[in-house]
Amino acid sequence: MTPSEYVNENYNNIKKWLRNTTRGHRPELYEDFVHECMIIFLEHERAQELVDKNQVRPFIVRVALNQWRSVTSPWAKQEWTTTLPLIGDFEHELEEYSLEDDAIMELLIGIMDDMMLGEIEEYYMALVVMVYHELKGNFSEMSRRLDIARTSLTKVYNEGVRTIRERLKEKIEELNNGTITITYDTDLVVDRWNELCSTASRKAGEVHTRAIKRGFFRDL
C-alpha cells in the first residue's frame, strides 16, 4: 500500500485520531488542519516506511501536536486546547504507546496524586516537578524562590521524572490490559493540576527539610 492509498483508505480514521488535538475548537478550521497534517505525512521521506511498519497513526498524531504547539505554525494562535506542561517530559511514551495527550495527562495526574500521598521522598519529588514546570523549567528561579540549592533541586527533579516514567509505563500497561480506565476529561485533569500546583511552592521548603532529615539526598 502506498502512502496515498493509506490516506484515502483511512481518511475518516485520521480525522478521528486528530480530533483530540483541537478539542473541537474552531471547527471551521478543522478540515484544513487535518489536510495539512496529511500533506506533511505524504511529503515526508519516511512515508512509505511508516506505512510498511504500521506506524502512520503515531506519526500523524505527533505531526498534529507539533503543528498545534509550534509558535510559527498557522494554527499556533488558535488556542485549541490546554495541556499539562509536565507532558513534555514524556513525549517518548506518547510515541512508543501511540497514546494521545489527554490519556497521558490523566495517567500523569493520577501518579502525581499518588506521590503526594506517599512517603515524604515521593511527596517532595512531586512538589519539585510541579514547581519546575510552573516556573517554565527555570532552576535558578526555583532555587531563589524556595531557598534550596539548585544542585539539590536538579537531582530531585531528575529522580522525580525517572520515578514518574516508571510508574507511567506501568499505568499504560494497565490501561491497555483493561485493568484501569480513564475518563478523558481534560478540563478535570487540568483543574486538578492547577489545584496541586497552587500549594507546591509553599510546601516545598518544609518538605525539603523533612526529606533531608530522612536522609533522602544520601540515595541520590
C-alpha atoms as a PDB file:
ATOM      1  CA  MET A   1       0.000   0.000   0.000  1.00  0.00           C
ATOM      2  CA  THR A   2       1.327   3.425  -0.914  1.00  0.00           C
ATOM      3  CA  PRO A   3       1.085   6.429   1.436  1.00  0.00           C
ATOM      4  CA  SER A   4      -1.612   7.958  -0.776  1.00  0.00           C
ATOM      5  CA  GLU A   5      -3.613   4.755  -0.700  1.00  0.00           C
ATOM      6  CA  TYR A   6      -3.223   4.648   3.082  1.00  0.00           C
ATOM      7  CA  VAL A   7      -4.576   8.184   3.461  1.00  0.00           C
ATOM      8  CA  ASN A   8      -7.513   7.509   1.142  1.00  0.00           C
ATOM      9  CA  GLU A   9      -8.413   4.322   2.968  1.00  0.00           C
ATOM     10  CA  ASN A  10      -8.031   5.818   6.467  1.00  0.00           C
ATOM     11  CA  TYR A  11      -9.256   9.352   5.814  1.00  0.00           C
ATOM     12  CA  ASN A  12     -12.105   9.208   8.328  1.00  0.00           C
ATOM     13  CA  ASN A  13      -9.934   7.450  10.883  1.00  0.00           C
ATOM     14  CA  ILE A  14      -7.272  10.149  10.612  1.00  0.00           C
ATOM     15  CA  LYS A  15      -9.895  12.813  11.271  1.00  0.00           C
ATOM     16  CA  LYS A  16     -10.895  10.952  14.442  1.00  0.00           C
ATOM     17  CA  TRP A  17      -7.275  10.486  15.568  1.00  0.00           C
ATOM     18  CA  LEU A  18      -6.634  14.220  15.381  1.00  0.00           C
ATOM     19  CA  ARG A  19      -9.893  15.338  16.980  1.00  0.00           C
ATOM     20  CA  ASN A  20      -8.392  15.476  20.475  1.00  0.00           C
ATOM     21  CA  THR A  21      -5.666  17.795  19.238  1.00  0.00           C
ATOM     22  CA  THR A  22      -8.167  20.610  18.722  1.00  0.00           C
ATOM     23  CA  ARG A  23     -10.693  19.587  21.411  1.00  0.00           C
ATOM     24  CA  GLY A  24     -13.413  20.694  18.982  1.00  0.00           C
ATOM     25  CA  HIS A  25     -12.374  24.355  18.998  1.00  0.00           C
ATOM     26  CA  ARG A  26     -12.558  26.354  15.772  1.00  0.00           C
ATOM     27  CA  PRO A  27     -14.385  23.591  13.829  1.00  0.00           C
ATOM     28  CA  GLU A  28     -14.383  25.742  10.707  1.00  0.00           C
ATOM     29  CA  LEU A  29     -10.600  25.263  10.504  1.00  0.00           C
ATOM     30  CA  TYR A  30     -10.508  21.579  11.347  1.00  0.00           C
ATOM     31  CA  GLU A  31     -10.649  20.203   7.788  1.00  0.00           C
ATOM     32  CA  ASP A  32      -7.759  22.447   6.744  1.00  0.00           C
ATOM     33  CA  PHE A  33      -5.790  21.374   9.796  1.00  0.00           C
ATOM     34  CA  VAL A  34      -6.285  17.676   9.039  1.00  0.00           C
ATOM     35  CA  HIS A  35      -5.351  18.135   5.384  1.00  0.00           C
ATOM     36  CA  GLU A  36      -2.175  19.984   6.364  1.00  0.00           C
ATOM     37  CA  CYS A  37      -1.136  17.092   8.605  1.00  0.00           C
ATOM     38  CA  MET A  38      -1.869  14.598   5.842  1.00  0.00           C
ATOM     39  CA  ILE A  39       0.240  16.556   3.371  1.00  0.00           C
ATOM     40  CA  ILE A  40       3.153  16.687   5.805  1.00  0.00           C
ATOM     41  CA  PHE A  41       2.938  12.907   6.131  1.00  0.00           C
ATOM     42  CA  LEU A  42       2.657  12.298   2.392  1.00  0.00           C
ATOM     43  CA  GLU A  43       5.644  14.520   1.637  1.00  0.00           C
ATOM     44  CA  HIS A  44       7.832  13.035   4.364  1.00  0.00           C
ATOM     45  CA  GLU A  45      10.796  10.954   3.224  1.00  0.00           C
ATOM     46  CA  ARG A  46       9.796   8.126   5.584  1.00  0.00           C
ATOM     47  CA  ALA A  47       6.146   7.964   4.475  1.00  0.00           C
ATOM     48  CA  GLN A  48       6.422   4.579   2.769  1.00  0.00           C
ATOM     49  CA  GLU A  49       8.450   3.144   5.628  1.00  0.00           C
ATOM     50  CA  LEU A  50       5.816   4.293   8.130  1.00  0.00           C
ATOM     51  CA  VAL A  51       3.091   2.577   6.117  1.00  0.00           C
ATOM     52  CA  ASP A  52       5.100  -0.632   5.841  1.00  0.00           C
ATOM     53  CA  LYS A  53       5.798  -0.681   9.596  1.00  0.00           C
ATOM     54  CA  ASN A  54       2.229   0.295  10.577  1.00  0.00           C
ATOM     55  CA  GLN A  55       3.487   3.443  12.310  1.00  0.00           C
ATOM     56  CA  VAL A  56       1.414   6.039  10.498  1.00  0.00           C
ATOM     57  CA  ARG A  57      -1.011   6.808  13.314  1.00  0.00           C
ATOM     58  CA  PRO A  58       1.595   7.831  15.961  1.00  0.00           C
ATOM     59  CA  PHE A  59       3.462   9.806  13.296  1.00  0.00           C
ATOM     60  CA  ILE A  60       0.415  11.786  12.172  1.00  0.00           C
ATOM     61  CA  VAL A  61      -0.674  12.410  15.756  1.00  0.00           C
ATOM     62  CA  ARG A  62       2.818  13.706  16.528  1.00  0.00           C
ATOM     63  CA  VAL A  63       2.712  15.932  13.429  1.00  0.00           C
ATOM     64  CA  ALA A  64      -0.625  17.352  14.571  1.00  0.00           C
ATOM     65  CA  LEU A  65       0.642  18.040  18.088  1.00  0.00           C
ATOM     66  CA  ASN A  66       3.766  19.718  16.731  1.00  0.00           C
ATOM     67  CA  GLN A  67       1.701  21.869  14.372  1.00  0.00           C
ATOM     68  CA  TRP A  68      -0.609  22.883  17.198  1.00  0.00           C
ATOM     69  CA  ARG A  69       2.252  23.685  19.595  1.00  0.00           C
ATOM     70  CA  SER A  70       4.622  25.379  17.168  1.00  0.00           C
ATOM     71  CA  VAL A  71       4.790  29.145  17.579  1.00  0.00           C
ATOM     72  CA  THR A  72       5.338  29.527  13.837  1.00  0.00           C
ATOM     73  CA  SER A  73       2.614  27.231  12.501  1.00  0.00           C
ATOM     74  CA  PRO A  74      -0.628  28.672  11.067  1.00  0.00           C
ATOM     75  CA  TRP A  75      -2.502  27.049  13.934  1.00  0.00           C
ATOM     76  CA  ALA A  76      -0.363  28.406  16.761  1.00  0.00           C
ATOM     77  CA  LYS A  77      -2.704  31.242  17.725  1.00  0.00           C
ATOM     78  CA  GLN A  78      -5.950  29.288  17.613  1.00  0.00           C
ATOM     79  CA  GLU A  79      -5.777  28.301  21.315  1.00  0.00           C
ATOM     80  CA  TRP A  80      -7.343  24.938  20.618  1.00  0.00           C
ATOM     81  CA  THR A  81      -6.520  23.180  23.844  1.00  0.00           C
ATOM     82  CA  THR A  82      -4.871  23.213  27.224  1.00  0.00           C
ATOM     83  CA  THR A  83      -2.238  20.711  28.209  1.00  0.00           C
ATOM     84  CA  LEU A  84      -0.021  19.999  31.177  1.00  0.00           C
ATOM     85  CA  PRO A  85       3.470  21.437  30.836  1.00  0.00           C
ATOM     86  CA  LEU A  86       4.608  18.223  32.523  1.00  0.00           C
ATOM     87  CA  ILE A  87       3.644  16.187  29.470  1.00  0.00           C
ATOM     88  CA  GLY A  88       6.696  17.409  27.567  1.00  0.00           C
ATOM     89  CA  ASP A  89       8.868  15.135  29.694  1.00  0.00           C
ATOM     90  CA  PHE A  90       7.035  12.081  28.413  1.00  0.00           C
ATOM     91  CA  GLU A  91       6.808  12.559  24.643  1.00  0.00           C
ATOM     92  CA  HIS A  92       8.671   9.287  24.148  1.00  0.00           C
ATOM     93  CA  GLU A  93       5.793   7.476  25.820  1.00  0.00           C
ATOM     94  CA  LEU A  94       3.317   9.235  23.530  1.00  0.00           C
ATOM     95  CA  GLU A  95       5.173   7.918  20.507  1.00  0.00           C
ATOM     96  CA  GLU A  96       6.006   4.463  21.841  1.00  0.00           C
ATOM     97  CA  TYR A  97       2.499   3.642  23.023  1.00  0.00           C
ATOM     98  CA  SER A  98       0.510   5.650  20.446  1.00  0.00           C
ATOM     99  CA  LEU A  99      -1.410   7.432  23.186  1.00  0.00           C
ATOM    100  CA  GLU A 100      -2.798  10.916  22.791  1.00  0.00           C
ATOM    101  CA  ASP A 101      -2.125  13.817  25.117  1.00  0.00           C
ATOM    102  CA  ASP A 102      -5.276  13.602  27.187  1.00  0.00           C
ATOM    103  CA  ALA A 103      -4.696   9.943  28.055  1.00  0.00           C
ATOM    104  CA  ILE A 104      -1.134  10.613  29.197  1.00  0.00           C
ATOM    105  CA  MET A 105      -2.307  13.706  31.082  1.00  0.00           C
ATOM    106  CA  GLU A 106      -4.863  11.775  33.087  1.00  0.00           C
ATOM    107  CA  LEU A 107      -2.417   8.991  33.919  1.00  0.00           C
ATOM    108  CA  LEU A 108       0.197  11.532  34.998  1.00  0.00           C
ATOM    109  CA  ILE A 109      -2.199  13.322  37.320  1.00  0.00           C
ATOM    110  CA  GLY A 110      -3.129  10.002  38.916  1.00  0.00           C
ATOM    111  CA  ILE A 111       0.553   9.286  39.515  1.00  0.00           C
ATOM    112  CA  MET A 112       1.142  12.757  40.954  1.00  0.00           C
ATOM    113  CA  ASP A 113      -1.823  12.316  43.300  1.00  0.00           C
ATOM    114  CA  ASP A 114      -0.393   9.012  44.497  1.00  0.00           C
ATOM    115  CA  MET A 115       3.020  10.572  45.073  1.00  0.00           C
ATOM    116  CA  MET A 116       1.518  13.419  47.051  1.00  0.00           C
ATOM    117  CA  LEU A 117       0.000  10.835  49.394  1.00  0.00           C
ATOM    118  CA  GLY A 118       3.103   8.661  49.529  1.00  0.00           C
ATOM    119  CA  GLU A 119       6.288   8.741  51.556  1.00  0.00           C
ATOM    120  CA  ILE A 120       7.964  12.084  52.178  1.00  0.00           C
ATOM    121  CA  GLU A 121      10.529  11.428  49.417  1.00  0.00           C
ATOM    122  CA  GLU A 122       7.804  10.895  46.817  1.00  0.00           C
ATOM    123  CA  TYR A 123       5.892  13.908  48.074  1.00  0.00           C
ATOM    124  CA  TYR A 124       8.998  16.066  47.739  1.00  0.00           C
ATOM    125  CA  MET A 125       9.739  14.840  44.214  1.00  0.00           C
ATOM    126  CA  ALA A 126       6.172  15.616  43.137  1.00  0.00           C
ATOM    127  CA  LEU A 127       6.381  19.139  44.556  1.00  0.00           C
ATOM    128  CA  VAL A 128       9.700  19.872  42.832  1.00  0.00           C
ATOM    129  CA  VAL A 129       8.424  18.566  39.482  1.00  0.00           C
ATOM    130  CA  MET A 130       5.348  20.778  39.723  1.00  0.00           C
ATOM    131  CA  VAL A 131       7.239  23.913  40.740  1.00  0.00           C
ATOM    132  CA  TYR A 132       9.770  23.315  37.951  1.00  0.00           C
ATOM    133  CA  HIS A 133       7.046  23.313  35.323  1.00  0.00           C
ATOM    134  CA  GLU A 134       5.105  26.181  36.852  1.00  0.00           C
ATOM    135  CA  LEU A 135       8.320  28.246  36.556  1.00  0.00           C
ATOM    136  CA  LYS A 136       8.850  27.079  32.970  1.00  0.00           C
ATOM    137  CA  GLY A 137      11.908  24.979  33.709  1.00  0.00           C
ATOM    138  CA  ASN A 138      13.963  27.666  35.433  1.00  0.00           C
ATOM    139  CA  PHE A 139      16.069  26.002  38.139  1.00  0.00           C
ATOM    140  CA  SER A 140      17.712  29.290  39.091  1.00  0.00           C
ATOM    141  CA  GLU A 141      14.346  30.904  39.791  1.00  0.00           C
ATOM    142  CA  MET A 142      13.255  27.805  41.706  1.00  0.00           C
ATOM    143  CA  SER A 143      16.369  27.993  43.854  1.00  0.00           C
ATOM    144  CA  ARG A 144      15.762  31.666  44.590  1.00  0.00           C
ATOM    145  CA  ARG A 145      12.083  31.256  45.451  1.00  0.00           C
ATOM    146  CA  LEU A 146      12.445  28.111  47.524  1.00  0.00           C
ATOM    147  CA  ASP A 147      15.823  28.940  49.073  1.00  0.00           C
ATOM    148  CA  ILE A 148      17.065  25.480  48.111  1.00  0.00           C
ATOM    149  CA  ALA A 149      20.350  24.806  46.313  1.00  0.00           C
ATOM    150  CA  ARG A 150      19.973  24.456  42.560  1.00  0.00           C
ATOM    151  CA  THR A 151      22.012  21.235  42.517  1.00  0.00           C
ATOM    152  CA  SER A 152      19.645  19.684  45.033  1.00  0.00           C
ATOM    153  CA  LEU A 153      16.598  20.698  43.025  1.00  0.00           C
ATOM    154  CA  THR A 154      18.097  19.285  39.820  1.00  0.00           C
ATOM    155  CA  LYS A 155      18.783  15.932  41.482  1.00  0.00           C
ATOM    156  CA  VAL A 156      15.296  15.740  42.943  1.00  0.00           C
ATOM    157  CA  TYR A 157      13.658  16.745  39.667  1.00  0.00           C
ATOM    158  CA  ASN A 158      15.567  14.117  37.665  1.00  0.00           C
ATOM    159  CA  GLU A 159      14.734  11.448  40.224  1.00  0.00           C
ATOM    160  CA  GLY A 160      11.103  12.550  40.174  1.00  0.00           C
ATOM    161  CA  VAL A 161      10.854  12.274  36.393  1.00  0.00           C
ATOM    162  CA  ARG A 162      12.533   8.854  36.486  1.00  0.00           C
ATOM    163  CA  THR A 163      10.047   7.660  39.101  1.00  0.00           C
ATOM    164  CA  ILE A 164       7.056   9.060  37.219  1.00  0.00           C
ATOM    165  CA  ARG A 165       8.262   7.499  33.954  1.00  0.00           C
ATOM    166  CA  GLU A 166       8.487   4.039  35.541  1.00  0.00           C
ATOM    167  CA  ARG A 167       5.014   4.332  37.004  1.00  0.00           C
ATOM    168  CA  LEU A 168       3.604   5.769  33.791  1.00  0.00           C
ATOM    169  CA  LYS A 169       4.732   2.699  31.869  1.00  0.00           C
ATOM    170  CA  GLU A 170       3.013   0.510  34.449  1.00  0.00           C
ATOM    171  CA  LYS A 171      -0.181   2.577  34.180  1.00  0.00           C
ATOM    172  CA  ILE A 172      -0.129   2.393  30.373  1.00  0.00           C
ATOM    173  CA  GLU A 173       0.149  -1.396  30.558  1.00  0.00           C
ATOM    174  CA  GLU A 174      -2.766  -1.486  32.994  1.00  0.00           C
ATOM    175  CA  LEU A 175      -4.791   0.774  30.692  1.00  0.00           C
ATOM    176  CA  ASN A 176      -4.043  -1.404  27.674  1.00  0.00           C
ATOM    177  CA  ASN A 177      -4.927  -4.529  29.651  1.00  0.00           C
ATOM    178  CA  GLY A 178      -8.211  -3.045  30.812  1.00  0.00           C
ATOM    179  CA  THR A 179      -7.153  -3.174  34.471  1.00  0.00           C
ATOM    180  CA  ILE A 180      -7.797   0.559  34.809  1.00  0.00           C
ATOM    181  CA  THR A 181      -9.919   3.026  32.871  1.00  0.00           C
ATOM    182  CA  ILE A 182      -9.740   6.779  32.370  1.00  0.00           C
ATOM    183  CA  THR A 183     -12.372   9.435  31.721  1.00  0.00           C
ATOM    184  CA  TYR A 184     -10.559  11.532  29.092  1.00  0.00           C
ATOM    185  CA  ASP A 185     -11.930  14.613  30.884  1.00  0.00           C
ATOM    186  CA  THR A 186      -9.199  17.122  30.040  1.00  0.00           C
ATOM    187  CA  ASP A 187     -10.763  20.032  31.909  1.00  0.00           C
ATOM    188  CA  LEU A 188     -10.972  17.994  35.103  1.00  0.00           C
ATOM    189  CA  VAL A 189      -7.337  16.905  34.762  1.00  0.00           C
ATOM    190  CA  VAL A 190      -6.071  20.428  34.160  1.00  0.00           C
ATOM    191  CA  ASP A 191      -8.117  21.736  37.097  1.00  0.00           C
ATOM    192  CA  ARG A 192      -6.538  19.100  39.324  1.00  0.00           C
ATOM    193  CA  TRP A 193      -3.041  20.019  38.089  1.00  0.00           C
ATOM    194  CA  ASN A 194      -3.690  23.678  38.885  1.00  0.00           C
ATOM    195  CA  GLU A 195      -5.027  22.738  42.302  1.00  0.00           C
ATOM    196  CA  LEU A 196      -1.928  20.699  43.110  1.00  0.00           C
ATOM    197  CA  CYS A 197       0.448  23.357  41.827  1.00  0.00           C
ATOM    198  CA  SER A 198      -1.240  26.135  43.786  1.00  0.00           C
ATOM    199  CA  THR A 199       0.346  24.930  47.022  1.00  0.00           C
ATOM    200  CA  ALA A 200       3.520  23.311  45.651  1.00  0.00           C
ATOM    201  CA  SER A 201       5.850  26.279  46.185  1.00  0.00           C
ATOM    202  CA  ARG A 202       4.522  26.886  49.695  1.00  0.00           C
ATOM    203  CA  LYS A 203       5.000  23.264  50.740  1.00  0.00           C
ATOM    204  CA  ALA A 204       8.344  22.573  49.024  1.00  0.00           C
ATOM    205  CA  GLY A 205      10.628  24.208  51.600  1.00  0.00           C
ATOM    206  CA  GLU A 206       9.046  22.450  54.554  1.00  0.00           C
ATOM    207  CA  VAL A 207       9.073  19.071  52.812  1.00  0.00           C
ATOM    208  CA  HIS A 208      12.696  19.616  51.693  1.00  0.00           C
ATOM    209  CA  THR A 209      13.759  19.914  55.342  1.00  0.00           C
ATOM    210  CA  ARG A 210      11.842  16.789  56.311  1.00  0.00           C
ATOM    211  CA  ALA A 211      13.322  14.859  53.381  1.00  0.00           C
ATOM    212  CA  ILE A 212      16.856  15.821  54.436  1.00  0.00           C
ATOM    213  CA  LYS A 213      16.184  14.554  57.940  1.00  0.00           C
ATOM    214  CA  ARG A 214      15.085  11.264  56.414  1.00  0.00           C
ATOM    215  CA  GLY A 215      18.398  11.023  54.515  1.00  0.00           C
ATOM    216  CA  PHE A 216      16.815  11.432  51.083  1.00  0.00           C
ATOM    217  CA  PHE A 217      19.863  13.012  49.428  1.00  0.00           C
ATOM    218  CA  ARG A 218      22.185  10.238  50.503  1.00  0.00           C
ATOM    219  CA  ASP A 219      20.431   7.998  47.986  1.00  0.00           C
ATOM    220  CA  LEU A 220      20.621  10.405  45.017  1.00  0.00           C
END
